[in-house]
Each structure stands twice: as C-alpha cells, then as structure tokens.
Protein backbone atom coordinates (compact mmCIF):
# COMPACT_ATOMS: atom_id res chain seq x y z
CA MET A 1 -81.75 -44.48 119.38
CA PRO A 2 -80.24 -47.37 118.79
CA ILE A 3 -77.03 -48.02 117.74
CA ARG A 4 -76.51 -50.12 114.44
CA ILE A 5 -73.77 -52.51 115.48
CA VAL A 6 -72.29 -53.71 111.41
CA SER A 7 -69.13 -54.83 109.83
CA GLY A 8 -67.43 -52.76 106.76
CA ASP A 9 -64.85 -50.42 105.94
CA PRO A 10 -65.64 -46.96 107.60
CA ILE A 11 -64.26 -45.41 105.28
CA LEU A 12 -66.95 -46.33 102.60
CA THR A 13 -69.43 -44.79 105.37
CA ARG A 14 -72.16 -43.32 104.22
CA ALA A 15 -72.41 -41.32 108.04
CA GLN A 16 -71.79 -37.10 108.23
CA THR A 17 -68.39 -37.97 110.49
CA LEU A 18 -66.40 -40.94 110.32
CA ALA A 19 -64.80 -41.53 114.14
CA PHE A 20 -61.76 -43.36 114.71
CA GLY A 21 -59.30 -43.64 117.95
CA TYR A 22 -55.69 -42.16 117.63
CA ASN A 23 -52.87 -40.91 119.63
CA ALA A 24 -52.46 -37.44 121.97
CA LYS A 25 -48.98 -37.42 120.01
CA GLY A 26 -50.07 -37.24 116.46
CA LYS A 27 -47.38 -40.15 115.80
CA ASN A 28 -48.20 -42.99 112.83
CA GLU A 29 -50.07 -46.01 114.02
CA VAL A 30 -49.72 -48.92 111.95
CA MET A 31 -53.15 -50.27 112.29
CA PRO A 32 -55.15 -51.38 109.09
CA LEU A 33 -57.29 -48.59 109.08
CA GLU A 34 -54.90 -46.22 109.85
CA THR A 35 -53.07 -47.01 107.48
CA ASP A 36 -55.73 -46.32 104.77
CA LEU A 37 -57.37 -43.29 106.08
CA ARG A 38 -53.66 -41.44 106.02
CA SER A 39 -52.69 -41.74 102.30
CA ARG A 40 -56.36 -40.31 101.64
CA TYR A 41 -55.86 -37.81 103.91
CA PRO A 42 -52.16 -36.53 104.81
CA ALA A 43 -53.70 -33.07 104.92
CA ALA A 44 -55.90 -33.26 108.15
CA PHE A 45 -52.69 -36.28 109.62
CA SER A 46 -50.63 -33.29 108.91
CA ALA A 47 -52.89 -30.68 111.05
CA TYR A 48 -53.76 -32.98 113.57
CA SER A 49 -50.07 -34.08 113.90
CA LYS A 50 -49.45 -30.46 114.04
CA LEU A 51 -51.62 -29.12 116.56
CA CYS A 52 -50.35 -32.24 119.17
CA ARG A 53 -46.78 -30.87 118.78
CA SER A 54 -47.62 -27.52 119.72
CA GLY A 55 -49.82 -28.79 122.85
CA ARG A 56 -53.50 -28.24 121.96
CA ILE A 57 -54.70 -31.95 121.68
CA SER A 58 -55.14 -34.20 124.87
CA ALA A 59 -56.62 -37.41 124.89
CA GLY A 60 -59.96 -37.87 126.00
CA THR A 61 -61.10 -35.11 123.64
CA THR A 62 -61.92 -34.79 119.77
CA TRP A 63 -60.60 -33.22 117.20
CA THR A 64 -62.65 -33.31 113.67
CA TRP A 65 -61.15 -32.56 110.12
CA SER A 66 -64.20 -30.97 107.96
CA GLU A 67 -62.68 -30.27 104.34
CA SER A 68 -63.70 -34.46 103.66
CA PHE A 69 -67.09 -35.91 103.54
CA PRO A 70 -66.99 -37.67 105.85
CA GLN A 71 -65.56 -34.81 108.80
CA LEU A 72 -62.99 -37.63 110.27
CA MET A 73 -63.44 -37.60 113.93
CA PHE A 74 -60.33 -37.97 115.70
CA PHE A 75 -60.99 -39.83 118.92
CA VAL A 76 -58.08 -39.02 121.42
CA VAL A 77 -57.50 -42.65 123.30
CA ARG A 78 -54.30 -43.47 123.95
CA GLU A 79 -51.51 -40.73 124.69
CA ALA A 80 -48.90 -42.60 122.56
CA ALA A 81 -49.17 -44.77 119.48
CA VAL A 82 -48.28 -47.48 121.42
CA GLY A 83 -50.24 -49.10 124.78
CA THR A 84 -53.44 -49.29 125.50
CA THR A 85 -56.63 -47.73 124.95
CA ARG A 86 -57.70 -46.18 127.84
CA LEU A 87 -61.38 -46.91 129.46
CA ARG A 88 -61.49 -43.08 130.99
CA HIS A 89 -60.41 -41.81 127.55
CA VAL A 90 -63.51 -43.30 125.59
CA GLN A 91 -66.05 -42.71 128.64
CA SER A 92 -64.78 -38.84 128.45
CA ILE A 93 -65.56 -38.83 125.03
CA ALA A 94 -68.89 -40.21 124.60
CA LEU A 95 -70.13 -38.40 127.48
CA ALA A 96 -69.28 -34.96 125.11
CA LEU A 97 -70.43 -36.39 122.37
CA VAL A 98 -74.10 -36.69 124.09
CA ARG A 99 -73.87 -33.58 125.39
CA ASP A 100 -72.41 -31.70 122.36
CA TYR A 101 -73.86 -32.96 119.60
CA GLN A 102 -75.90 -30.38 118.56
CA LEU A 103 -73.28 -27.56 118.63
CA GLU A 104 -71.03 -29.71 117.20
CA GLY A 105 -74.11 -30.23 114.36
CA LEU A 106 -73.56 -34.11 113.93
CA THR A 107 -76.47 -35.51 111.74
CA SER A 108 -74.45 -39.09 112.38
CA LEU A 109 -71.87 -40.49 113.16
CA ALA A 110 -69.68 -43.69 112.33
CA ILE A 111 -66.85 -45.31 114.55
CA ALA A 112 -64.65 -47.06 113.57
CA PRO A 113 -62.56 -50.22 115.80
CA LEU A 114 -61.00 -48.79 118.44
CA GLY A 115 -58.24 -49.98 120.51
CA ARG A 116 -57.00 -53.39 119.57
CA ASP A 117 -59.64 -56.61 119.21
CA HIS A 118 -58.96 -57.60 123.37
CA GLU A 119 -60.22 -54.25 123.88
CA TRP A 120 -62.71 -53.50 121.64
CA PRO A 121 -65.90 -55.53 123.34
CA GLU A 122 -65.44 -54.28 126.62
CA LEU A 123 -64.99 -50.35 124.30
CA LYS A 124 -68.19 -50.35 122.34
CA ARG A 125 -70.13 -52.20 125.98
CA LEU A 126 -68.88 -48.58 127.31
CA LEU A 127 -69.99 -46.84 124.13
CA GLU A 128 -72.94 -48.20 123.73
CA THR A 129 -73.84 -47.33 127.25
CA TRP A 130 -73.68 -44.08 126.67
CA LEU A 131 -74.20 -43.01 123.05
CA ALA A 132 -77.61 -45.45 122.77
CA PRO A 133 -80.35 -42.96 124.67
CA SER A 134 -78.94 -39.90 122.44
CA PRO A 135 -81.11 -39.33 119.39
CA LEU A 136 -77.65 -38.82 117.16
CA LEU A 137 -77.71 -41.55 114.70
CA THR A 138 -74.54 -43.84 115.74
CA VAL A 139 -73.07 -46.58 113.62
CA LEU A 140 -70.77 -49.11 115.61
CA TYR A 141 -68.47 -50.63 113.04
CA THR A 142 -67.20 -53.74 114.93
CA SER A 143 -64.90 -54.89 112.45
CA TYR A 144 -62.26 -53.49 109.39
CA GLN A 145 -62.93 -55.24 105.91
CA PRO A 146 -61.33 -53.05 103.40
CA GLY A 147 -63.65 -52.66 100.61
CA VAL A 148 -67.41 -54.30 102.09
CA GLN A 149 -69.71 -51.72 102.15
CA ALA A 150 -71.88 -51.91 105.76
CA ASP A 151 -75.54 -51.48 105.42
CA GLU A 152 -75.48 -48.88 108.08
CA GLY A 153 -79.16 -47.57 107.96
CA VAL A 154 -78.37 -44.17 107.18
C-alpha cells in the first residue's frame, strides 16, 4: 500500500497509532513534538522512563502505550537523548513492523518526523523502502506544524 506523505500536526492524527522517535535512556527530549506529547501523555512517558531505567528498553525496538487514542508507539531510534538517530535502529523497527503489524493489531500508523531536520530525508527514504510494500496503512509526516490537521486519507 502506498505511503501517504503529509505535513501537519501528528498529534491530531486519525490513525490508530502515532509513532515518534525517542531514546533508550528515557530522558526527556526538547524537540517541540516530544514536549507537546509529554505534556499531553505524562503517564506514558513516566511508564516508558521506568522501563528504560530497569533496562527493558533497547535501541532498535518499539514500545506502545495503548491507554490513549491514538496509541503512542515509541520508536527507540537513539541510545541517548542527544546524538544521531541511527539508520540501523530505524531499519530494525521498520522490518519488525512489516513482519509483526498484524500480531500487534495495527491497522493504521502515523509516523512523526524522526531525528533532526538534516537526518529526516534519509530516514524517510528508509521507511518508504520497507513500509511501502506492506498492506499497513502508513502516513509519514514530513514536518511538525502544531494545530494543523493533515489530510491523511485515513
């Protein structure tokens, strides 16, 4: 299924699950989207941080908070809150999604921009390569525009 490319506010997604990049240490990140998500869903970030401190979260995996709509899927794409988003971690996550999305009960997935602005084009290409052949309805956000509802086609 072709991936839908949009700009807007991923928090306003109509998809079942909203995925965004985060770190394996559970440390607060200061990017605007992560700050908005943390203020809206403090329990999700608290639970995630607790799992990180206990050593149960590792880079290249995902963790899902199902107590909200949309569900929040933490893409663990960095070892720490600062530093580069690793292609190998994003590829590992994409492969696991393609393989396991039905087992996870995913029907639609919105992915917020991962990494920093200069990293996003290459990360986007990687996600498109692996997720486009999948029947999972996927929406990729190219930029975060707070308060702007995107035409996702969901």
